[in-house]
Amino acid sequence: MLMVSLGTGIGGGIVIDGRLYEGTHRMAGEFGHMVVEVDGPPCPCGNRGCWERFASGSALGELARQDARNGLTPRVLELAGGDPVAVTGEHVTAAAIDGDPDALRLMARLGRFVAIGIANLVNIFDPQVVVVGGGLVKAGEVLMAPVRASLDGLAMGARVRPQVPVLPASLGERSAAVGAGLMAMAAAPGADGGVVS
């Protein structure tokens, strides 16, 4: 199982046989920093074109601010009090859930970028399932539907395996925090060694 946490940035986890894979230096799961566009925008990590610059809540906010400055998202701009600088991903999500076509277009664009990264992960790990958590999962199907639609055909092996299910985390935006807490408990003296149940 892969868990992708979509929030301000992008994090994640790799669960193999019920155990979280941490990597040699305990840094596995930094999915947001795989480069998807070598000449893309700068990332705070020091690289350019990291996945989270295109597929996170921060990226959604930036897309929406650009559109608001160009007069392309009037409902989103209204929710932000008329100030394009104040537009956030939350405004886009609220408008999309209400059915605003401009916000739905932005969510579809974000969904495509999310799917590109997930397809890369599927090609590497061939997981049984991909679970999506983090703040953006509150958008529900206005995000998940375009992610699934865009993922179709992006991952290799479509003729020999079914599309990997992409499901929202049952703990929603709290999923990464709960997982981190469980890791800390598992690392405590006398713990069972980090079995995920």
Protein backbone atom coordinates (compact mmCIF):
# COMPACT_ATOMS: atom_id res chain seq x y z
CA MET A 1 0.00 0.00 0.00
CA LEU A 2 1.11 3.54 -0.71
CA MET A 3 -0.26 6.48 1.26
CA VAL A 4 -0.01 9.92 -0.34
CA SER A 5 -0.67 12.92 1.89
CA LEU A 6 -1.79 15.97 -0.10
CA GLY A 7 -1.70 19.14 1.97
CA THR A 8 0.43 22.26 1.92
CA GLY A 9 3.10 19.94 0.52
CA ILE A 10 3.11 16.24 -0.33
CA GLY A 11 4.34 13.44 1.91
CA GLY A 12 3.62 9.78 2.07
CA GLY A 13 4.29 6.34 3.32
CA ILE A 14 5.09 2.92 1.93
CA VAL A 15 3.56 -0.05 3.76
CA ILE A 16 4.95 -3.48 2.88
CA ASP A 17 3.52 -6.58 4.58
CA GLY A 18 1.91 -4.44 7.26
CA ARG A 19 5.09 -2.53 8.09
CA LEU A 20 6.03 1.03 7.27
CA TYR A 21 9.13 1.11 5.08
CA GLU A 22 11.40 3.84 6.42
CA GLY A 23 14.45 3.51 4.17
CA THR A 24 18.12 3.33 5.04
CA HIS A 25 18.18 6.81 6.59
CA ARG A 26 14.51 6.82 7.70
CA MET A 27 13.64 9.31 4.95
CA ALA A 28 11.46 7.16 2.68
CA GLY A 29 8.14 8.61 1.58
CA GLU A 30 9.25 12.09 0.47
CA PHE A 31 7.07 11.67 -2.59
CA GLY A 32 6.53 15.40 -3.02
CA HIS A 33 10.16 15.94 -3.93
CA MET A 34 10.36 13.68 -6.95
CA VAL A 35 11.04 15.95 -9.88
CA VAL A 36 8.30 15.92 -12.50
CA GLU A 37 9.53 18.91 -14.53
CA VAL A 38 13.26 19.52 -14.52
CA ASP A 39 12.91 23.22 -15.40
CA GLY A 40 9.84 23.72 -13.24
CA PRO A 41 9.30 26.24 -10.47
CA PRO A 42 11.76 26.38 -7.57
CA CYS A 43 10.91 24.31 -4.52
CA PRO A 44 11.83 25.20 -0.92
CA CYS A 45 13.87 21.97 -0.84
CA GLY A 46 16.35 23.56 -3.28
CA ASN A 47 15.35 21.60 -6.40
CA ARG A 48 13.13 22.69 -9.26
CA GLY A 49 9.95 21.10 -10.56
CA CYS A 50 9.14 18.93 -7.56
CA TRP A 51 5.76 17.17 -7.68
CA GLU A 52 4.43 19.19 -4.75
CA ARG A 53 4.92 22.43 -6.71
CA PHE A 54 2.19 21.12 -9.07
CA ALA A 55 -0.08 18.86 -7.01
CA SER A 56 -0.36 20.20 -3.44
CA GLY A 57 -2.71 22.60 -1.71
CA SER A 58 -0.09 25.30 -2.17
CA ALA A 59 0.01 24.56 -5.90
CA LEU A 60 -3.78 24.76 -6.12
CA GLY A 61 -3.71 28.14 -4.39
CA GLU A 62 -1.07 29.43 -6.80
CA LEU A 63 -3.05 28.22 -9.84
CA ALA A 64 -6.15 29.90 -8.47
CA ARG A 65 -4.39 33.19 -7.71
CA GLN A 66 -3.08 33.33 -11.28
CA ASP A 67 -6.57 32.73 -12.65
CA ALA A 68 -8.12 35.24 -10.22
CA ARG A 69 -5.69 37.94 -11.35
CA ASN A 70 -6.79 37.21 -14.94
CA GLY A 71 -10.50 37.33 -14.10
CA LEU A 72 -11.01 33.62 -14.78
CA THR A 73 -12.44 32.54 -11.41
CA PRO A 74 -15.05 35.09 -10.26
CA ARG A 75 -16.70 32.82 -7.66
CA VAL A 76 -13.36 31.84 -6.12
CA LEU A 77 -12.36 35.50 -6.05
CA GLU A 78 -15.65 36.39 -4.37
CA LEU A 79 -15.00 33.78 -1.64
CA ALA A 80 -11.59 35.40 -1.07
CA GLY A 81 -13.20 38.78 -0.46
CA GLY A 82 -12.33 40.11 -3.91
CA ASP A 83 -8.56 40.07 -3.34
CA PRO A 84 -6.64 37.80 -5.74
CA VAL A 85 -3.70 37.67 -3.31
CA ALA A 86 -6.00 36.22 -0.62
CA VAL A 87 -7.18 33.30 -2.79
CA THR A 88 -6.33 29.88 -1.34
CA GLY A 89 -6.87 26.27 -2.25
CA GLU A 90 -9.67 26.19 0.34
CA HIS A 91 -11.60 28.79 -1.67
CA VAL A 92 -11.23 26.68 -4.80
CA THR A 93 -12.37 23.56 -2.94
CA ALA A 94 -15.44 25.29 -1.51
CA ALA A 95 -16.42 26.66 -4.91
CA ALA A 96 -15.83 23.30 -6.61
CA ILE A 97 -17.98 21.47 -4.07
CA ASP A 98 -20.72 24.02 -4.86
CA GLY A 99 -20.38 23.13 -8.54
CA ASP A 100 -18.62 26.27 -9.81
CA PRO A 101 -17.30 25.37 -13.30
CA ASP A 102 -14.13 27.48 -13.00
CA ALA A 103 -13.22 25.83 -9.69
CA LEU A 104 -14.01 22.40 -11.12
CA ARG A 105 -11.65 23.17 -14.02
CA LEU A 106 -8.88 24.00 -11.53
CA MET A 107 -9.57 20.81 -9.59
CA ALA A 108 -9.39 18.80 -12.81
CA ARG A 109 -6.02 20.39 -13.59
CA LEU A 110 -4.79 19.62 -10.09
CA GLY A 111 -6.16 16.07 -10.41
CA ARG A 112 -4.10 15.56 -13.56
CA PHE A 113 -0.93 16.62 -11.73
CA VAL A 114 -1.78 14.39 -8.76
CA ALA A 115 -2.32 11.47 -11.15
CA ILE A 116 1.05 12.00 -12.85
CA GLY A 117 2.87 11.59 -9.54
CA ILE A 118 0.73 8.64 -8.47
CA ALA A 119 1.40 6.96 -11.82
CA ASN A 120 5.14 7.33 -11.23
CA LEU A 121 4.76 5.74 -7.80
CA VAL A 122 2.60 2.93 -9.20
CA ASN A 123 5.23 2.24 -11.87
CA ILE A 124 7.93 1.99 -9.19
CA PHE A 125 6.11 0.08 -6.44
CA ASP A 126 3.20 -1.75 -8.14
CA PRO A 127 1.06 -1.33 -4.99
CA GLN A 128 -2.19 -3.06 -4.20
CA VAL A 129 -3.84 0.27 -3.39
CA VAL A 130 -3.02 3.99 -3.14
CA VAL A 131 -4.64 5.83 -0.24
CA VAL A 132 -4.86 9.63 -0.43
CA GLY A 133 -5.03 11.68 2.75
CA GLY A 134 -4.16 15.20 3.87
CA GLY A 135 -6.11 18.43 3.71
CA LEU A 136 -6.97 18.19 0.02
CA VAL A 137 -8.92 14.97 0.57
CA LYS A 138 -11.70 17.16 2.01
CA ALA A 139 -12.51 18.03 -1.61
CA GLY A 140 -13.88 14.51 -2.02
CA GLU A 141 -14.89 13.42 -5.48
CA VAL A 142 -14.29 16.84 -7.05
CA LEU A 143 -10.61 15.92 -6.69
CA MET A 144 -10.66 12.12 -6.56
CA ALA A 145 -12.71 11.70 -9.76
CA PRO A 146 -10.27 13.67 -11.97
CA VAL A 147 -7.33 11.90 -10.30
CA ARG A 148 -8.78 8.49 -11.18
CA ALA A 149 -9.76 9.59 -14.68
CA SER A 150 -6.29 11.00 -15.38
CA LEU A 151 -4.55 7.98 -13.88
CA ASP A 152 -6.25 5.69 -16.37
CA GLY A 153 -3.61 4.98 -18.99
CA LEU A 154 -0.72 6.78 -17.24
CA ALA A 155 0.56 3.79 -15.27
CA MET A 156 2.33 1.04 -17.18
CA GLY A 157 0.86 -2.42 -17.59
CA ALA A 158 -2.77 -1.42 -18.15
CA ARG A 159 -3.23 -4.46 -20.40
CA VAL A 160 -1.95 -6.94 -17.80
CA ARG A 161 -3.26 -5.53 -14.52
CA PRO A 162 -6.32 -3.60 -13.41
CA GLN A 163 -5.97 0.07 -12.54
CA VAL A 164 -4.70 0.44 -9.00
CA PRO A 165 -7.51 1.64 -6.72
CA VAL A 166 -7.01 5.21 -5.46
CA LEU A 167 -9.06 5.72 -2.31
CA PRO A 168 -9.50 8.58 0.16
CA ALA A 169 -8.03 7.89 3.61
CA SER A 170 -10.70 7.05 6.16
CA LEU A 171 -9.03 9.48 8.60
CA GLY A 172 -9.02 12.22 5.96
CA GLU A 173 -6.78 15.17 6.66
CA ARG A 174 -5.69 13.68 10.00
CA SER A 175 -4.28 10.51 8.44
CA ALA A 176 -0.62 11.62 8.30
CA ALA A 177 -0.69 12.99 11.86
CA VAL A 178 -2.26 9.79 13.20
CA GLY A 179 0.33 7.73 11.32
CA ALA A 180 3.17 9.80 12.77
CA GLY A 181 1.73 9.32 16.25
CA LEU A 182 1.52 5.57 15.75
CA MET A 183 5.14 5.54 14.56
CA ALA A 184 6.22 7.34 17.72
CA MET A 185 4.29 4.85 19.85
CA ALA A 186 5.83 1.93 17.95
CA ALA A 187 9.32 3.33 18.56
CA ALA A 188 8.75 3.56 22.31
CA PRO A 189 10.48 0.99 24.56
CA GLY A 190 8.49 -2.23 24.68
CA ALA A 191 6.55 -1.48 21.50
CA ASP A 192 5.84 -4.18 18.91
CA GLY A 193 8.28 -2.83 16.29
CA GLY A 194 5.99 -0.72 14.15
CA VAL A 195 3.37 -3.14 12.88
CA VAL A 196 0.60 -1.24 11.14
CA SER A 197 -2.83 -2.61 11.98
